[in-house]
Amino acid sequence: MNKKSIIFRSILAIGLLGILFSCSEDTDPTTAEVDLTLVNEDITVNQVYEDLDNFTLTVFQSLNFGGRLLNEGFDKICPGVDVTFNEEEKKITVDFGEGCTSPGGTLRKGKIVFTYNKNFLFPGAKVIAVFESYEVDGLAVQGTRTIENQNIDIFNNRVTLKVTVTDGKVTWPDGTFVTYTTTQERVVTLNDQNGYEISITGNASGKSRAGLDYTTTVTSQLLVTQDCVETGVLVPSSGVMEFNYSGFNVSVDYGDGQCDKNIIITYPGGTREVTLD
C-alpha cells in the first residue's frame, strides 16, 4: 500500500471516530432543570453511540479482505475481548462477555455485531452495527448504527460519509431511558498543510428521560481538525448545534476555531460558558 493510500485510510478512520464529549456539572438549578438536563442527556447518548467508533477502526483495520481476520491490536479495545469473523456472511462479532474494561477505563458488556457489504474504501460500502445485551459504563444500548461511504473524491482527497442511528434507545440503571434517532453527513478532507478536517451536519430527534420530545439540528457545520485531535481535543473547534423542546430553543456554540473545550450555551433568559470534560 502506498503512502497516499495509508493517509487516506487514516482520513476514513477519523471520519469514523465521531465526536465524543461530556458536559461539566452546572450548579445553577434553574438553568440545569430548564435547559441543561436535556442537553446533558443528549450529549451522553451521543457518547454511548459514538463510543463504538473507538474500536470499529481497530477491528476493520485487522480485517484482511482476502478472507481472514488478523488478530492484531485488540488489546487497544480491551484485554480479552473476543473478535470473530464470518467471511461468508460478511459479519464480525465483538464480544465483551460479562465485562471488559478498555485501557481508557470504559467498561463494556455484551456484543456488537458488524455486517458489511464490501471493502469500506469503495463508494456504496456500508457497515451496520447492532447491539446484543450491550452496555457502556452501565448504560444499556439498543438500536442500529449505519455508516455508509457515499462518495470518494480522489482529486480533492475527500470522502463523504452518511451516519445514521435508527430505533436508538439508551437506558440508565434506574430504568429511565432516552430514545434517539439521527442522520448525519460527515465530509472528511485532507489538507496538505494542516492535515485533515471533518465537517459535520445533520439532525436528531428523541424523547428525554422525563418524557419530553426534542430535536437537535446542526445550524452551523461542526468542524473537527487534525491539529486539535492530536492534542487530545476531540470536540468540534467550531460550529453550532440547536436543541428544541417544549417550545424552548437552546444552542451550543463550539467557538470560532480555537482548539479548546469551551462552549457557549444560550438558553431562554441568558448565556453561559461551559468547559467540557
C-alpha atoms as a PDB file:
ATOM      1  CA  MET A   1       0.000   0.000   0.000  1.00  0.00           C
ATOM      2  CA  ASN A   2       1.483   3.400  -0.967  1.00  0.00           C
ATOM      3  CA  LYS A   3       1.819   6.341   1.374  1.00  0.00           C
ATOM      4  CA  LYS A   4      -1.156   8.221  -0.083  1.00  0.00           C
ATOM      5  CA  SER A   5      -3.416   5.192   0.420  1.00  0.00           C
ATOM      6  CA  ILE A   6      -2.302   4.906   4.043  1.00  0.00           C
ATOM      7  CA  ILE A   7      -3.024   8.592   4.638  1.00  0.00           C
ATOM      8  CA  PHE A   8      -6.437   8.316   3.003  1.00  0.00           C
ATOM      9  CA  ARG A   9      -7.356   5.284   5.117  1.00  0.00           C
ATOM     10  CA  SER A  10      -6.408   7.377   8.134  1.00  0.00           C
ATOM     11  CA  ILE A  11      -8.835  10.050   6.964  1.00  0.00           C
ATOM     12  CA  LEU A  12     -11.609   7.466   6.756  1.00  0.00           C
ATOM     13  CA  ALA A  13     -10.698   6.304  10.226  1.00  0.00           C
ATOM     14  CA  ILE A  14     -11.048   9.764  11.666  1.00  0.00           C
ATOM     15  CA  GLY A  15     -14.381  10.071   9.888  1.00  0.00           C
ATOM     16  CA  LEU A  16     -15.485   7.001  11.826  1.00  0.00           C
ATOM     17  CA  LEU A  17     -14.243   8.210  15.125  1.00  0.00           C
ATOM     18  CA  GLY A  18     -17.067  10.567  15.508  1.00  0.00           C
ATOM     19  CA  ILE A  19     -17.337  13.208  18.319  1.00  0.00           C
ATOM     20  CA  LEU A  20     -17.030  12.182  21.963  1.00  0.00           C
ATOM     21  CA  PHE A  21     -17.769  14.810  24.613  1.00  0.00           C
ATOM     22  CA  SER A  22     -19.382  15.365  28.010  1.00  0.00           C
ATOM     23  CA  CYS A  23     -20.514  18.477  29.833  1.00  0.00           C
ATOM     24  CA  SER A  24     -19.312  19.583  33.250  1.00  0.00           C
ATOM     25  CA  GLU A  25     -21.848  19.785  36.064  1.00  0.00           C
ATOM     26  CA  ASP A  26     -23.831  23.014  36.204  1.00  0.00           C
ATOM     27  CA  THR A  27     -24.502  24.490  39.619  1.00  0.00           C
ATOM     28  CA  ASP A  28     -27.424  26.726  38.698  1.00  0.00           C
ATOM     29  CA  PRO A  29     -30.523  24.612  39.475  1.00  0.00           C
ATOM     30  CA  THR A  30     -32.832  26.747  37.366  1.00  0.00           C
ATOM     31  CA  THR A  31     -30.600  26.579  34.301  1.00  0.00           C
ATOM     32  CA  ALA A  32     -29.940  22.846  34.741  1.00  0.00           C
ATOM     33  CA  GLU A  33     -33.619  21.975  35.156  1.00  0.00           C
ATOM     34  CA  VAL A  34     -34.951  24.101  32.325  1.00  0.00           C
ATOM     35  CA  ASP A  35     -32.193  23.849  29.768  1.00  0.00           C
ATOM     36  CA  LEU A  36     -29.144  21.759  30.518  1.00  0.00           C
ATOM     37  CA  THR A  37     -30.595  18.495  31.807  1.00  0.00           C
ATOM     38  CA  LEU A  38     -31.895  17.533  28.391  1.00  0.00           C
ATOM     39  CA  VAL A  39     -28.737  18.836  26.710  1.00  0.00           C
ATOM     40  CA  ASN A  40     -26.562  16.731  29.020  1.00  0.00           C
ATOM     41  CA  GLU A  41     -28.681  13.660  28.312  1.00  0.00           C
ATOM     42  CA  ASP A  42     -28.291  14.126  24.575  1.00  0.00           C
ATOM     43  CA  ILE A  43     -24.532  14.510  24.989  1.00  0.00           C
ATOM     44  CA  THR A  44     -24.436  11.263  26.978  1.00  0.00           C
ATOM     45  CA  VAL A  45     -26.481   9.452  24.329  1.00  0.00           C
ATOM     46  CA  ASN A  46     -24.120  10.683  21.627  1.00  0.00           C
ATOM     47  CA  GLN A  47     -21.162   9.456  23.656  1.00  0.00           C
ATOM     48  CA  VAL A  48     -22.657   5.994  24.001  1.00  0.00           C
ATOM     49  CA  TYR A  49     -23.391   5.518  20.297  1.00  0.00           C
ATOM     50  CA  GLU A  50     -20.189   7.164  19.150  1.00  0.00           C
ATOM     51  CA  ASP A  51     -18.101   5.147  21.633  1.00  0.00           C
ATOM     52  CA  LEU A  52     -18.080   2.108  19.385  1.00  0.00           C
ATOM     53  CA  ASP A  53     -16.097   4.026  16.765  1.00  0.00           C
ATOM     54  CA  ASN A  54     -13.106   3.855  19.115  1.00  0.00           C
ATOM     55  CA  PHE A  55     -12.784   0.187  18.273  1.00  0.00           C
ATOM     56  CA  THR A  56     -14.543  -0.034  14.898  1.00  0.00           C
ATOM     57  CA  LEU A  57     -11.336   1.205  13.300  1.00  0.00           C
ATOM     58  CA  THR A  58      -9.186  -1.388  15.075  1.00  0.00           C
ATOM     59  CA  VAL A  59     -11.475  -4.220  14.004  1.00  0.00           C
ATOM     60  CA  PHE A  60     -11.735  -3.213  10.343  1.00  0.00           C
ATOM     61  CA  GLN A  61      -8.038  -2.458  10.033  1.00  0.00           C
ATOM     62  CA  SER A  62      -7.468  -6.040  11.173  1.00  0.00           C
ATOM     63  CA  LEU A  63      -9.799  -7.397   8.508  1.00  0.00           C
ATOM     64  CA  ASN A  64      -7.949  -8.874   5.559  1.00  0.00           C
ATOM     65  CA  PHE A  65     -10.455  -8.715   2.711  1.00  0.00           C
ATOM     66  CA  GLY A  66      -8.724 -11.722   1.250  1.00  0.00           C
ATOM     67  CA  GLY A  67     -10.620 -13.752   3.795  1.00  0.00           C
ATOM     68  CA  ARG A  68      -9.187 -13.748   7.301  1.00  0.00           C
ATOM     69  CA  LEU A  69      -9.045 -11.676  10.451  1.00  0.00           C
ATOM     70  CA  LEU A  70      -5.606 -10.594  11.604  1.00  0.00           C
ATOM     71  CA  ASN A  71      -5.685 -10.806  15.395  1.00  0.00           C
ATOM     72  CA  GLU A  72      -3.707  -7.647  15.993  1.00  0.00           C
ATOM     73  CA  GLY A  73      -4.312  -4.607  18.160  1.00  0.00           C
ATOM     74  CA  PHE A  74      -7.395  -5.860  20.010  1.00  0.00           C
ATOM     75  CA  ASP A  75      -5.823  -5.037  23.381  1.00  0.00           C
ATOM     76  CA  LYS A  76      -6.493  -1.420  22.373  1.00  0.00           C
ATOM     77  CA  ILE A  77     -10.188  -2.260  22.725  1.00  0.00           C
ATOM     78  CA  CYS A  78      -9.726  -4.145  25.981  1.00  0.00           C
ATOM     79  CA  PRO A  79      -7.684  -7.187  27.063  1.00  0.00           C
ATOM     80  CA  GLY A  80      -9.577 -10.410  26.482  1.00  0.00           C
ATOM     81  CA  VAL A  81     -12.192  -9.131  24.046  1.00  0.00           C
ATOM     82  CA  ASP A  82     -13.291 -11.857  21.624  1.00  0.00           C
ATOM     83  CA  VAL A  83     -13.447 -10.837  17.949  1.00  0.00           C
ATOM     84  CA  THR A  84     -14.657 -13.350  15.354  1.00  0.00           C
ATOM     85  CA  PHE A  85     -15.050 -13.093  11.585  1.00  0.00           C
ATOM     86  CA  ASN A  86     -17.546 -14.892   9.357  1.00  0.00           C
ATOM     87  CA  GLU A  87     -16.360 -14.311   5.786  1.00  0.00           C
ATOM     88  CA  GLU A  88     -19.331 -15.992   4.118  1.00  0.00           C
ATOM     89  CA  GLU A  89     -21.860 -13.816   5.945  1.00  0.00           C
ATOM     90  CA  LYS A  90     -19.585 -10.730   5.946  1.00  0.00           C
ATOM     91  CA  LYS A  91     -20.051 -10.457   9.681  1.00  0.00           C
ATOM     92  CA  ILE A  92     -17.751  -9.504  12.559  1.00  0.00           C
ATOM     93  CA  THR A  93     -18.779 -10.100  16.179  1.00  0.00           C
ATOM     94  CA  VAL A  94     -17.128  -8.225  19.030  1.00  0.00           C
ATOM     95  CA  ASP A  95     -17.930  -9.954  22.331  1.00  0.00           C
ATOM     96  CA  PHE A  96     -17.134  -8.207  25.620  1.00  0.00           C
ATOM     97  CA  GLY A  97     -18.616 -11.006  27.699  1.00  0.00           C
ATOM     98  CA  GLU A  98     -19.627 -10.156  31.259  1.00  0.00           C
ATOM     99  CA  GLY A  99     -17.396  -7.118  31.323  1.00  0.00           C
ATOM    100  CA  CYS A 100     -14.278  -5.829  29.630  1.00  0.00           C
ATOM    101  CA  THR A 101     -12.514  -2.591  30.595  1.00  0.00           C
ATOM    102  CA  SER A 102     -10.581  -0.607  27.992  1.00  0.00           C
ATOM    103  CA  PRO A 103      -7.168   0.973  28.687  1.00  0.00           C
ATOM    104  CA  GLY A 104      -9.051   4.278  28.873  1.00  0.00           C
ATOM    105  CA  GLY A 105     -11.320   2.966  31.627  1.00  0.00           C
ATOM    106  CA  THR A 106     -14.540   2.332  29.678  1.00  0.00           C
ATOM    107  CA  LEU A 107     -16.440  -0.755  30.850  1.00  0.00           C
ATOM    108  CA  ARG A 108     -18.350  -2.567  28.102  1.00  0.00           C
ATOM    109  CA  LYS A 109     -20.532  -5.676  28.298  1.00  0.00           C
ATOM    110  CA  GLY A 110     -22.400  -7.808  25.750  1.00  0.00           C
ATOM    111  CA  LYS A 111     -21.886  -7.946  21.994  1.00  0.00           C
ATOM    112  CA  ILE A 112     -21.772  -5.741  18.930  1.00  0.00           C
ATOM    113  CA  VAL A 113     -22.312  -7.407  15.556  1.00  0.00           C
ATOM    114  CA  PHE A 114     -20.978  -5.627  12.461  1.00  0.00           C
ATOM    115  CA  THR A 115     -22.110  -6.589   8.968  1.00  0.00           C
ATOM    116  CA  TYR A 116     -20.720  -5.061   5.788  1.00  0.00           C
ATOM    117  CA  ASN A 117     -21.309  -5.405   2.057  1.00  0.00           C
ATOM    118  CA  LYS A 118     -17.835  -4.692   0.628  1.00  0.00           C
ATOM    119  CA  ASN A 119     -14.479  -3.046   1.192  1.00  0.00           C
ATOM    120  CA  PHE A 120     -15.175   0.212   3.015  1.00  0.00           C
ATOM    121  CA  LEU A 121     -12.852   2.146   0.689  1.00  0.00           C
ATOM    122  CA  PHE A 122     -15.389   1.942  -2.157  1.00  0.00           C
ATOM    123  CA  PRO A 123     -18.472   4.194  -2.564  1.00  0.00           C
ATOM    124  CA  GLY A 124     -21.612   2.337  -1.578  1.00  0.00           C
ATOM    125  CA  ALA A 125     -19.803   0.347   1.091  1.00  0.00           C
ATOM    126  CA  LYS A 126     -21.859   0.080   4.260  1.00  0.00           C
ATOM    127  CA  VAL A 127     -21.095  -1.032   7.811  1.00  0.00           C
ATOM    128  CA  ILE A 128     -24.064  -1.793  10.079  1.00  0.00           C
ATOM    129  CA  ALA A 129     -23.690  -2.237  13.844  1.00  0.00           C
ATOM    130  CA  VAL A 130     -26.375  -3.866  16.003  1.00  0.00           C
ATOM    131  CA  PHE A 131     -26.246  -4.426  19.764  1.00  0.00           C
ATOM    132  CA  GLU A 132     -26.892  -7.615  21.730  1.00  0.00           C
ATOM    133  CA  SER A 133     -27.273  -7.050  25.503  1.00  0.00           C
ATOM    134  CA  TYR A 134     -24.698  -4.313  25.096  1.00  0.00           C
ATOM    135  CA  GLU A 135     -23.776  -1.835  27.846  1.00  0.00           C
ATOM    136  CA  VAL A 136     -21.328   1.055  28.166  1.00  0.00           C
ATOM    137  CA  ASP A 137     -20.452   2.078  31.724  1.00  0.00           C
ATOM    138  CA  GLY A 138     -23.774   0.718  32.963  1.00  0.00           C
ATOM    139  CA  LEU A 139     -25.926   2.249  30.206  1.00  0.00           C
ATOM    140  CA  ALA A 140     -27.827  -0.297  28.106  1.00  0.00           C
ATOM    141  CA  VAL A 141     -27.728   0.388  24.359  1.00  0.00           C
ATOM    142  CA  GLN A 142     -30.201  -0.603  21.657  1.00  0.00           C
ATOM    143  CA  GLY A 143     -30.673   0.362  18.029  1.00  0.00           C
ATOM    144  CA  THR A 144     -28.905   0.115  14.680  1.00  0.00           C
ATOM    145  CA  ARG A 145     -25.993   2.324  13.630  1.00  0.00           C
ATOM    146  CA  THR A 146     -25.042   2.547   9.949  1.00  0.00           C
ATOM    147  CA  ILE A 147     -22.004   4.156   8.321  1.00  0.00           C
ATOM    148  CA  GLU A 148     -22.125   4.445   4.533  1.00  0.00           C
ATOM    149  CA  ASN A 149     -19.432   5.603   2.128  1.00  0.00           C
ATOM    150  CA  GLN A 150     -21.378   7.910  -0.183  1.00  0.00           C
ATOM    151  CA  ASN A 151     -18.546   9.302  -2.245  1.00  0.00           C
ATOM    152  CA  ILE A 152     -14.762   9.460  -2.577  1.00  0.00           C
ATOM    153  CA  ASP A 153     -13.242  12.437  -4.380  1.00  0.00           C
ATOM    154  CA  ILE A 154      -9.684  11.269  -5.077  1.00  0.00           C
ATOM    155  CA  PHE A 155      -8.654  14.513  -6.774  1.00  0.00           C
ATOM    156  CA  ASN A 156      -9.581  16.599  -3.723  1.00  0.00           C
ATOM    157  CA  ASN A 157      -8.724  13.898  -1.142  1.00  0.00           C
ATOM    158  CA  ARG A 158     -12.265  13.969   0.206  1.00  0.00           C
ATOM    159  CA  VAL A 159     -14.731  11.309   1.389  1.00  0.00           C
ATOM    160  CA  THR A 160     -18.399  11.762   2.276  1.00  0.00           C
ATOM    161  CA  LEU A 161     -19.937   9.505   4.921  1.00  0.00           C
ATOM    162  CA  LYS A 162     -23.583   9.121   5.911  1.00  0.00           C
ATOM    163  CA  VAL A 163     -24.057   8.082   9.547  1.00  0.00           C
ATOM    164  CA  THR A 164     -27.463   7.085  10.943  1.00  0.00           C
ATOM    165  CA  VAL A 165     -28.878   5.674  14.153  1.00  0.00           C
ATOM    166  CA  THR A 166     -32.364   4.146  13.987  1.00  0.00           C
ATOM    167  CA  ASP A 167     -34.540   2.858  16.850  1.00  0.00           C
ATOM    168  CA  GLY A 168     -31.910   4.091  19.281  1.00  0.00           C
ATOM    169  CA  LYS A 169     -32.501   3.692  22.998  1.00  0.00           C
ATOM    170  CA  VAL A 170     -30.200   4.231  25.974  1.00  0.00           C
ATOM    171  CA  THR A 171     -31.393   3.015  29.390  1.00  0.00           C
ATOM    172  CA  TRP A 172     -29.959   4.204  32.700  1.00  0.00           C
ATOM    173  CA  PRO A 173     -29.564   1.830  35.689  1.00  0.00           C
ATOM    174  CA  ASP A 174     -32.728   3.258  37.297  1.00  0.00           C
ATOM    175  CA  GLY A 175     -34.787   2.129  34.280  1.00  0.00           C
ATOM    176  CA  THR A 176     -35.302   5.583  32.759  1.00  0.00           C
ATOM    177  CA  PHE A 177     -34.322   5.923  29.127  1.00  0.00           C
ATOM    178  CA  VAL A 178     -33.825   8.211  26.154  1.00  0.00           C
ATOM    179  CA  THR A 179     -34.945   7.287  22.648  1.00  0.00           C
ATOM    180  CA  TYR A 180     -32.827   8.578  19.801  1.00  0.00           C
ATOM    181  CA  THR A 181     -32.686   8.744  16.002  1.00  0.00           C
ATOM    182  CA  THR A 182     -30.157  10.684  13.947  1.00  0.00           C
ATOM    183  CA  THR A 183     -28.867  11.269  10.422  1.00  0.00           C
ATOM    184  CA  GLN A 184     -25.521  12.949   9.820  1.00  0.00           C
ATOM    185  CA  GLU A 185     -23.288  13.733   6.872  1.00  0.00           C
ATOM    186  CA  ARG A 186     -19.547  13.833   7.554  1.00  0.00           C
ATOM    187  CA  VAL A 187     -17.236  15.221   4.896  1.00  0.00           C
ATOM    188  CA  VAL A 188     -13.582  14.377   5.543  1.00  0.00           C
ATOM    189  CA  THR A 189     -10.950  16.375   3.648  1.00  0.00           C
ATOM    190  CA  LEU A 190      -7.168  16.093   3.570  1.00  0.00           C
ATOM    191  CA  ASN A 191      -5.235  19.361   3.561  1.00  0.00           C
ATOM    192  CA  ASP A 192      -1.552  19.084   2.650  1.00  0.00           C
ATOM    193  CA  GLN A 193      -0.602  21.856   5.054  1.00  0.00           C
ATOM    194  CA  ASN A 194      -2.907  21.317   8.025  1.00  0.00           C
ATOM    195  CA  GLY A 195      -3.789  17.628   7.820  1.00  0.00           C
ATOM    196  CA  TYR A 196      -7.419  16.537   7.723  1.00  0.00           C
ATOM    197  CA  GLU A 197     -10.599  18.296   8.713  1.00  0.00           C
ATOM    198  CA  ILE A 198     -14.104  16.908   9.163  1.00  0.00           C
ATOM    199  CA  SER A 199     -17.268  18.944   8.667  1.00  0.00           C
ATOM    200  CA  ILE A 200     -20.449  17.527  10.186  1.00  0.00           C
ATOM    201  CA  THR A 201     -24.070  18.419   9.510  1.00  0.00           C
ATOM    202  CA  GLY A 202     -27.328  16.701  10.390  1.00  0.00           C
ATOM    203  CA  ASN A 203     -30.138  16.415  12.875  1.00  0.00           C
ATOM    204  CA  ALA A 204     -31.540  14.134  15.555  1.00  0.00           C
ATOM    205  CA  SER A 205     -34.764  13.577  17.449  1.00  0.00           C
ATOM    206  CA  GLY A 206     -35.834  11.669  20.503  1.00  0.00           C
ATOM    207  CA  LYS A 207     -37.574  11.622  23.852  1.00  0.00           C
ATOM    208  CA  SER A 208     -35.788  12.555  27.067  1.00  0.00           C
ATOM    209  CA  ARG A 209     -35.791  10.623  30.343  1.00  0.00           C
ATOM    210  CA  ALA A 210     -38.501  12.998  31.543  1.00  0.00           C
ATOM    211  CA  GLY A 211     -40.645  12.161  28.506  1.00  0.00           C
ATOM    212  CA  LEU A 212     -40.024  15.384  26.590  1.00  0.00           C
ATOM    213  CA  ASP A 213     -39.857  15.213  22.802  1.00  0.00           C
ATOM    214  CA  TYR A 214     -36.827  17.032  21.448  1.00  0.00           C
ATOM    215  CA  THR A 215     -34.922  17.695  18.259  1.00  0.00           C
ATOM    216  CA  THR A 216     -31.366  18.809  17.534  1.00  0.00           C
ATOM    217  CA  THR A 217     -30.050  20.440  14.379  1.00  0.00           C
ATOM    218  CA  VAL A 218     -26.550  21.456  13.341  1.00  0.00           C
ATOM    219  CA  THR A 219     -27.215  25.052  12.309  1.00  0.00           C
ATOM    220  CA  SER A 220     -23.573  25.848  11.517  1.00  0.00           C
ATOM    221  CA  GLN A 221     -21.453  22.883  10.472  1.00  0.00           C
ATOM    222  CA  LEU A 222     -19.323  21.338  13.197  1.00  0.00           C
ATOM    223  CA  LEU A 223     -15.633  21.206  12.414  1.00  0.00           C
ATOM    224  CA  VAL A 224     -13.023  18.773  13.742  1.00  0.00           C
ATOM    225  CA  THR A 225      -9.367  19.257  12.735  1.00  0.00           C
ATOM    226  CA  GLN A 226      -6.242  17.153  12.937  1.00  0.00           C
ATOM    227  CA  ASP A 227      -4.388  19.789  14.967  1.00  0.00           C
ATOM    228  CA  CYS A 228      -6.983  19.578  17.735  1.00  0.00           C
ATOM    229  CA  VAL A 229      -7.304  15.797  17.660  1.00  0.00           C
ATOM    230  CA  GLU A 230      -3.540  15.379  18.023  1.00  0.00           C
ATOM    231  CA  THR A 231      -3.612  17.488  21.203  1.00  0.00           C
ATOM    232  CA  GLY A 232      -6.411  15.346  22.671  1.00  0.00           C
ATOM    233  CA  VAL A 233      -9.266  17.773  21.953  1.00  0.00           C
ATOM    234  CA  LEU A 234     -11.906  15.574  20.301  1.00  0.00           C
ATOM    235  CA  VAL A 235     -14.780  18.070  20.438  1.00  0.00           C
ATOM    236  CA  PRO A 236     -15.530  20.356  17.485  1.00  0.00           C
ATOM    237  CA  SER A 237     -13.429  23.511  17.267  1.00  0.00           C
ATOM    238  CA  SER A 238     -16.320  25.441  15.719  1.00  0.00           C
ATOM    239  CA  GLY A 239     -19.965  25.112  14.759  1.00  0.00           C
ATOM    240  CA  VAL A 240     -23.371  25.455  16.393  1.00  0.00           C
ATOM    241  CA  MET A 241     -25.978  22.875  17.406  1.00  0.00           C
ATOM    242  CA  GLU A 242     -29.517  23.865  18.340  1.00  0.00           C
ATOM    243  CA  PHE A 243     -31.853  21.988  20.713  1.00  0.00           C
ATOM    244  CA  ASN A 244     -35.621  22.410  20.656  1.00  0.00           C
ATOM    245  CA  TYR A 245     -38.144  21.052  23.153  1.00  0.00           C
ATOM    246  CA  SER A 246     -41.385  22.234  24.735  1.00  0.00           C
ATOM    247  CA  GLY A 247     -41.144  25.463  22.783  1.00  0.00           C
ATOM    248  CA  PHE A 248     -37.656  26.256  24.122  1.00  0.00           C
ATOM    249  CA  ASN A 249     -34.579  26.771  21.955  1.00  0.00           C
ATOM    250  CA  VAL A 250     -31.119  26.127  23.383  1.00  0.00           C
ATOM    251  CA  SER A 251     -27.976  26.494  21.277  1.00  0.00           C
ATOM    252  CA  VAL A 252     -24.473  25.151  21.856  1.00  0.00           C
ATOM    253  CA  ASP A 253     -21.714  27.168  20.176  1.00  0.00           C
ATOM    254  CA  TYR A 254     -18.322  25.432  19.903  1.00  0.00           C
ATOM    255  CA  GLY A 255     -16.428  28.609  19.099  1.00  0.00           C
ATOM    256  CA  ASP A 256     -14.553  30.117  16.167  1.00  0.00           C
ATOM    257  CA  GLY A 257     -11.815  27.572  15.539  1.00  0.00           C
ATOM    258  CA  GLN A 258      -9.779  27.605  18.730  1.00  0.00           C
ATOM    259  CA  CYS A 259      -8.538  24.205  19.863  1.00  0.00           C
ATOM    260  CA  ASP A 260     -10.180  24.091  23.302  1.00  0.00           C
ATOM    261  CA  LYS A 261     -13.094  22.522  25.166  1.00  0.00           C
ATOM    262  CA  ASN A 262     -15.014  25.715  25.843  1.00  0.00           C
ATOM    263  CA  ILE A 263     -18.566  26.115  24.577  1.00  0.00           C
ATOM    264  CA  ILE A 264     -21.238  28.777  24.958  1.00  0.00           C
ATOM    265  CA  ILE A 265     -24.771  27.650  25.781  1.00  0.00           C
ATOM    266  CA  THR A 266     -27.530  30.137  25.007  1.00  0.00           C
ATOM    267  CA  TYR A 267     -30.879  29.422  26.641  1.00  0.00           C
ATOM    268  CA  PRO A 268     -34.086  31.386  27.342  1.00  0.00           C
ATOM    269  CA  GLY A 269     -33.029  34.187  29.633  1.00  0.00           C
ATOM    270  CA  GLY A 270     -29.275  34.000  29.376  1.00  0.00           C
ATOM    271  CA  THR A 271     -25.950  32.707  28.134  1.00  0.00           C
ATOM    272  CA  ARG A 272     -23.425  30.531  29.927  1.00  0.00           C
ATOM    273  CA  GLU A 273     -19.874  29.439  29.115  1.00  0.00           C
ATOM    274  CA  VAL A 274     -19.132  25.809  29.971  1.00  0.00           C
ATOM    275  CA  THR A 275     -15.924  23.805  29.860  1.00  0.00           C
ATOM    276  CA  LEU A 276     -16.435  20.249  28.574  1.00  0.00           C
ATOM    277  CA  ASP A 277     -14.759  17.324  30.338  1.00  0.00           C
END
